[in-house]
Structures are given as structure tokens and as C-alpha cells.
């Protein structure tokens, strides 16, 4: 040895230094970045299905083989969701959203509070949306909704 580091060792140190610098600049892990991306997709999804929303945006969010099991146990495809119309006078907002990421798979869970001013009802629907990174893009591949029953009276 002539006291010089081999090229592969120098290259390895350079890669580690670059990765460390990138991490320190963003302060986010890849999973945190992916989690934020999924949360934004959930908000875009909600906007797309709201009255006046652009249903075409769902085409970008849902995988081609997307399947949904709704609160009544019905199975719906991507095509079904793209063709469905938004309920008039309905509003929705999500609370308690939690996103978990495992590599190229993610799950978002939460409560969708739905209200129809024209029909006079409100419901809470628990949901789970499963995402997969397909060709470098996050896409929803499956969803399931469960209607939450109101708390029972203690009388």
C-alpha cells in the first residue's frame, strides 16, 4: 500500500457524505416524505369527489385495477368511481388520518365526516386506503369503508 485510499473507498465515502448532506437539508426520511405525499393524495381525492370537483383527477390517483369495498359491502372499480356523480349539497372532511409506509406500500386510515345539507343527514365513515408505488408514482389500489354507528345511549 502506498498510503493512498483505493478509489472505491473514496467513492463510498463520497456517497455517504452526499446522502448525509441531503438528509440534513430536508430533515425528512424517505418514509416521512412518502407519508406526506399520501396525505396530499388523500386531500386531492376528497376534492375530486366533492360537488364541483374534477372526477378526472381520480384517474391520476387510482390504479387501473383499483377495487373499493364500500360501507354497504358493494365492490366498485376505478371505472365505477370515475362515473359516479357527487352528492349534491354534500360536504366531507377527514379527521384522524394516519399514514403508514412500508417501502412501496402505504396505508391511510381515518374518519370521513360526511354531511348532506339537502337531505339532512350526517354520518361518520371509517376508511382504509391502500397505496402502492407503481412505475414511480403512488396509486390507490384498494379501499374499504365502514359506517360507524352512533354511540348507544346508556338508558
C-alpha atoms as a PDB file:
ATOM      1  CA  UNK A   1       0.000   0.000   0.000  1.00  0.00           C
ATOM      2  CA  UNK A   2       1.280   3.426  -0.883  1.00  0.00           C
ATOM      3  CA  UNK A   3      -0.740   5.273   1.732  1.00  0.00           C
ATOM      4  CA  UNK A   4      -3.490   6.264  -0.687  1.00  0.00           C
ATOM      5  CA  UNK A   5      -7.091   5.128  -0.353  1.00  0.00           C
ATOM      6  CA  UNK A   6      -8.461   2.971  -3.156  1.00  0.00           C
ATOM      7  CA  UNK A   7     -10.941   4.693  -5.498  1.00  0.00           C
ATOM      8  CA  UNK A   8     -13.858   2.507  -4.302  1.00  0.00           C
ATOM      9  CA  UNK A   9     -13.277   3.597  -0.706  1.00  0.00           C
ATOM     10  CA  UNK A  10     -13.218   7.271  -1.672  1.00  0.00           C
ATOM     11  CA  UNK A  11     -16.366   6.793  -3.784  1.00  0.00           C
ATOM     12  CA  UNK A  12     -18.145   5.082  -0.892  1.00  0.00           C
ATOM     13  CA  UNK A  13     -17.273   7.946   1.482  1.00  0.00           C
ATOM     14  CA  UNK A  14     -18.500  10.471  -1.108  1.00  0.00           C
ATOM     15  CA  UNK A  15     -21.841   8.666  -1.463  1.00  0.00           C
ATOM     16  CA  UNK A  16     -22.321   8.566   2.308  1.00  0.00           C
ATOM     17  CA  UNK A  17     -21.431  12.255   2.621  1.00  0.00           C
ATOM     18  CA  UNK A  18     -23.884  13.221  -0.140  1.00  0.00           C
ATOM     19  CA  UNK A  19     -26.672  11.174   1.429  1.00  0.00           C
ATOM     20  CA  UNK A  20     -25.977  12.685   4.853  1.00  0.00           C
ATOM     21  CA  UNK A  21     -25.979  16.189   3.399  1.00  0.00           C
ATOM     22  CA  UNK A  22     -29.267  15.595   1.586  1.00  0.00           C
ATOM     23  CA  UNK A  23     -30.875  14.187   4.733  1.00  0.00           C
ATOM     24  CA  UNK A  24     -29.675  17.087   6.866  1.00  0.00           C
ATOM     25  CA  UNK A  25     -31.052  19.614   4.336  1.00  0.00           C
ATOM     26  CA  UNK A  26     -34.524  18.122   4.131  1.00  0.00           C
ATOM     27  CA  UNK A  27     -34.704  16.792   7.675  1.00  0.00           C
ATOM     28  CA  UNK A  28     -37.112  14.144   6.412  1.00  0.00           C
ATOM     29  CA  UNK A  29     -36.702  10.449   5.983  1.00  0.00           C
ATOM     30  CA  UNK A  30     -37.954   8.869   2.743  1.00  0.00           C
ATOM     31  CA  UNK A  31     -40.870   7.346   4.695  1.00  0.00           C
ATOM     32  CA  UNK A  32     -41.840  10.798   6.044  1.00  0.00           C
ATOM     33  CA  UNK A  33     -41.744  12.252   2.534  1.00  0.00           C
ATOM     34  CA  UNK A  34     -43.849   9.354   1.219  1.00  0.00           C
ATOM     35  CA  UNK A  35     -46.283   9.757   4.110  1.00  0.00           C
ATOM     36  CA  UNK A  36     -46.748  13.440   3.248  1.00  0.00           C
ATOM     37  CA  UNK A  37     -47.285  12.514  -0.417  1.00  0.00           C
ATOM     38  CA  UNK A  38     -50.015  10.023   0.535  1.00  0.00           C
ATOM     39  CA  UNK A  39     -51.701  12.630   2.773  1.00  0.00           C
ATOM     40  CA  UNK A  40     -51.731  15.090  -0.164  1.00  0.00           C
ATOM     41  CA  UNK A  41     -53.197  12.403  -2.449  1.00  0.00           C
ATOM     42  CA  UNK A  42     -55.965  11.826   0.100  1.00  0.00           C
ATOM     43  CA  UNK A  43     -56.817  15.550   0.039  1.00  0.00           C
ATOM     44  CA  UNK A  44     -56.773  15.630  -3.786  1.00  0.00           C
ATOM     45  CA  UNK A  45     -59.045  12.574  -3.796  1.00  0.00           C
ATOM     46  CA  UNK A  46     -61.516  14.243  -1.441  1.00  0.00           C
ATOM     47  CA  UNK A  47     -61.528  17.390  -3.601  1.00  0.00           C
ATOM     48  CA  UNK A  48     -62.095  15.330  -6.763  1.00  0.00           C
ATOM     49  CA  UNK A  49     -65.200  13.575  -5.399  1.00  0.00           C
ATOM     50  CA  UNK A  50     -66.714  16.697  -3.840  1.00  0.00           C
ATOM     51  CA  UNK A  51     -69.503  18.597  -5.643  1.00  0.00           C
ATOM     52  CA  UNK A  52     -67.837  20.634  -8.384  1.00  0.00           C
ATOM     53  CA  UNK A  53     -64.683  18.513  -8.100  1.00  0.00           C
ATOM     54  CA  UNK A  54     -62.790  17.164 -11.078  1.00  0.00           C
ATOM     55  CA  UNK A  55     -63.520  13.429 -11.231  1.00  0.00           C
ATOM     56  CA  UNK A  56     -60.822  13.153 -13.896  1.00  0.00           C
ATOM     57  CA  UNK A  57     -58.230  13.739 -11.159  1.00  0.00           C
ATOM     58  CA  UNK A  58     -59.215  10.341  -9.770  1.00  0.00           C
ATOM     59  CA  UNK A  59     -57.733   8.785 -12.885  1.00  0.00           C
ATOM     60  CA  UNK A  60     -54.311  10.007 -11.686  1.00  0.00           C
ATOM     61  CA  UNK A  61     -54.835   8.748  -8.129  1.00  0.00           C
ATOM     62  CA  UNK A  62     -56.448   5.336  -8.656  1.00  0.00           C
ATOM     63  CA  UNK A  63     -54.545   2.347 -10.081  1.00  0.00           C
ATOM     64  CA  UNK A  64     -56.140   0.772 -13.147  1.00  0.00           C
ATOM     65  CA  UNK A  65     -57.086  -2.345 -11.135  1.00  0.00           C
ATOM     66  CA  UNK A  66     -58.338  -0.343  -8.117  1.00  0.00           C
ATOM     67  CA  UNK A  67     -61.076  -2.015  -6.042  1.00  0.00           C
ATOM     68  CA  UNK A  68     -63.249  -0.450  -3.343  1.00  0.00           C
ATOM     69  CA  UNK A  69     -65.497  -2.197  -0.849  1.00  0.00           C
ATOM     70  CA  UNK A  70     -67.973   0.455   0.255  1.00  0.00           C
ATOM     71  CA  UNK A  71     -69.807   0.775   3.563  1.00  0.00           C
ATOM     72  CA  UNK A  72     -72.647  -1.413   2.219  1.00  0.00           C
ATOM     73  CA  UNK A  73     -70.274  -4.193   1.151  1.00  0.00           C
ATOM     74  CA  UNK A  74     -70.554  -3.409  -2.561  1.00  0.00           C
ATOM     75  CA  UNK A  75     -67.441  -3.779  -4.701  1.00  0.00           C
ATOM     76  CA  UNK A  76     -66.651  -0.871  -7.010  1.00  0.00           C
ATOM     77  CA  UNK A  77     -63.949  -0.488  -9.653  1.00  0.00           C
ATOM     78  CA  UNK A  78     -61.997   2.537 -10.801  1.00  0.00           C
ATOM     79  CA  UNK A  79     -64.432   2.945 -13.706  1.00  0.00           C
ATOM     80  CA  UNK A  80     -67.370   2.922 -11.258  1.00  0.00           C
ATOM     81  CA  UNK A  81     -65.830   5.731  -9.212  1.00  0.00           C
ATOM     82  CA  UNK A  82     -64.936   7.787 -12.278  1.00  0.00           C
ATOM     83  CA  UNK A  83     -68.556   7.605 -13.488  1.00  0.00           C
ATOM     84  CA  UNK A  84     -70.212   8.283 -10.136  1.00  0.00           C
ATOM     85  CA  UNK A  85     -71.575  11.753  -9.526  1.00  0.00           C
ATOM     86  CA  UNK A  86     -71.040  13.720  -6.339  1.00  0.00           C
ATOM     87  CA  UNK A  87     -73.990  14.009  -3.962  1.00  0.00           C
ATOM     88  CA  UNK A  88     -75.499  17.484  -4.231  1.00  0.00           C
ATOM     89  CA  UNK A  89     -75.169  19.551  -1.082  1.00  0.00           C
ATOM     90  CA  UNK A  90     -72.776  17.048   0.479  1.00  0.00           C
ATOM     91  CA  UNK A  91     -69.636  18.013   2.316  1.00  0.00           C
ATOM     92  CA  UNK A  92     -66.861  15.778   3.573  1.00  0.00           C
ATOM     93  CA  UNK A  93     -63.869  16.277   5.793  1.00  0.00           C
ATOM     94  CA  UNK A  94     -61.360  13.795   7.134  1.00  0.00           C
ATOM     95  CA  UNK A  95     -60.049  13.641  10.683  1.00  0.00           C
ATOM     96  CA  UNK A  96     -57.639  11.389  12.475  1.00  0.00           C
ATOM     97  CA  UNK A  97     -55.772  10.458   9.320  1.00  0.00           C
ATOM     98  CA  UNK A  98     -52.816   8.192   9.905  1.00  0.00           C
ATOM     99  CA  UNK A  99     -50.460   7.187   7.109  1.00  0.00           C
ATOM    100  CA  UNK A 100     -48.050   4.278   7.444  1.00  0.00           C
ATOM    101  CA  UNK A 101     -45.439   3.441   4.806  1.00  0.00           C
ATOM    102  CA  UNK A 102     -43.567   0.187   4.196  1.00  0.00           C
ATOM    103  CA  UNK A 103     -41.283   0.609   1.187  1.00  0.00           C
ATOM    104  CA  UNK A 104     -43.518   0.756  -1.907  1.00  0.00           C
ATOM    105  CA  UNK A 105     -46.747   0.121   0.047  1.00  0.00           C
ATOM    106  CA  UNK A 106     -48.700   2.534   2.230  1.00  0.00           C
ATOM    107  CA  UNK A 107     -51.981   2.602   4.126  1.00  0.00           C
ATOM    108  CA  UNK A 108     -54.023   5.647   5.078  1.00  0.00           C
ATOM    109  CA  UNK A 109     -56.730   5.344   7.727  1.00  0.00           C
ATOM    110  CA  UNK A 110     -59.100   7.920   9.123  1.00  0.00           C
ATOM    111  CA  UNK A 111     -62.666   9.061   9.621  1.00  0.00           C
ATOM    112  CA  UNK A 112     -64.579  10.767   6.820  1.00  0.00           C
ATOM    113  CA  UNK A 113     -67.280  13.015   8.290  1.00  0.00           C
ATOM    114  CA  UNK A 114     -69.989  13.351   5.641  1.00  0.00           C
ATOM    115  CA  UNK A 115     -72.932  15.741   5.758  1.00  0.00           C
ATOM    116  CA  UNK A 116     -75.778  16.378   3.318  1.00  0.00           C
ATOM    117  CA  UNK A 117     -77.434  19.733   3.813  1.00  0.00           C
ATOM    118  CA  UNK A 118     -80.073  18.920   1.176  1.00  0.00           C
ATOM    119  CA  UNK A 119     -81.057  15.580   2.729  1.00  0.00           C
ATOM    120  CA  UNK A 120     -80.410  16.484   6.362  1.00  0.00           C
ATOM    121  CA  UNK A 121     -78.076  13.658   7.382  1.00  0.00           C
ATOM    122  CA  UNK A 122     -74.588  13.272   8.752  1.00  0.00           C
ATOM    123  CA  UNK A 123     -72.504  10.105   9.028  1.00  0.00           C
ATOM    124  CA  UNK A 124     -69.011   9.103  10.004  1.00  0.00           C
ATOM    125  CA  UNK A 125     -67.276   6.566   7.790  1.00  0.00           C
ATOM    126  CA  UNK A 126     -64.033   4.903   8.858  1.00  0.00           C
ATOM    127  CA  UNK A 127     -61.795   4.142   5.889  1.00  0.00           C
ATOM    128  CA  UNK A 128     -58.627   2.354   4.917  1.00  0.00           C
ATOM    129  CA  UNK A 129     -56.952   3.234   1.616  1.00  0.00           C
ATOM    130  CA  UNK A 130     -54.036   1.115   0.422  1.00  0.00           C
ATOM    131  CA  UNK A 131     -51.462   2.648  -1.928  1.00  0.00           C
ATOM    132  CA  UNK A 132     -48.678   1.130  -3.989  1.00  0.00           C
ATOM    133  CA  UNK A 133     -45.813   2.833  -5.775  1.00  0.00           C
ATOM    134  CA  UNK A 134     -46.394   1.855  -9.426  1.00  0.00           C
ATOM    135  CA  UNK A 135     -43.879   2.982 -12.040  1.00  0.00           C
ATOM    136  CA  UNK A 136     -42.528   5.509  -9.541  1.00  0.00           C
ATOM    137  CA  UNK A 137     -45.952   7.048  -8.710  1.00  0.00           C
ATOM    138  CA  UNK A 138     -48.156   6.417  -5.695  1.00  0.00           C
ATOM    139  CA  UNK A 139     -51.556   4.986  -6.708  1.00  0.00           C
ATOM    140  CA  UNK A 140     -54.522   3.847  -4.614  1.00  0.00           C
ATOM    141  CA  UNK A 141     -55.043   0.120  -5.183  1.00  0.00           C
ATOM    142  CA  UNK A 142     -57.749  -0.713  -2.667  1.00  0.00           C
ATOM    143  CA  UNK A 143     -60.152   0.926  -0.221  1.00  0.00           C
ATOM    144  CA  UNK A 144     -62.673  -0.158   2.355  1.00  0.00           C
ATOM    145  CA  UNK A 145     -65.221   1.925   4.232  1.00  0.00           C
ATOM    146  CA  UNK A 146     -67.137   1.085   7.394  1.00  0.00           C
ATOM    147  CA  UNK A 147     -70.136   3.080   8.593  1.00  0.00           C
ATOM    148  CA  UNK A 148     -69.634   3.996  12.227  1.00  0.00           C
ATOM    149  CA  UNK A 149     -72.682   3.539  14.372  1.00  0.00           C
ATOM    150  CA  UNK A 150     -73.644   6.284  16.799  1.00  0.00           C
ATOM    151  CA  UNK A 151     -72.843   5.602  20.439  1.00  0.00           C
ATOM    152  CA  UNK A 152     -75.575   3.745  22.290  1.00  0.00           C
ATOM    153  CA  UNK A 153     -77.497   5.663  24.917  1.00  0.00           C
ATOM    154  CA  UNK A 154     -76.871   4.467  28.497  1.00  0.00           C
ATOM    155  CA  UNK A 155     -80.627   4.492  29.365  1.00  0.00           C
END
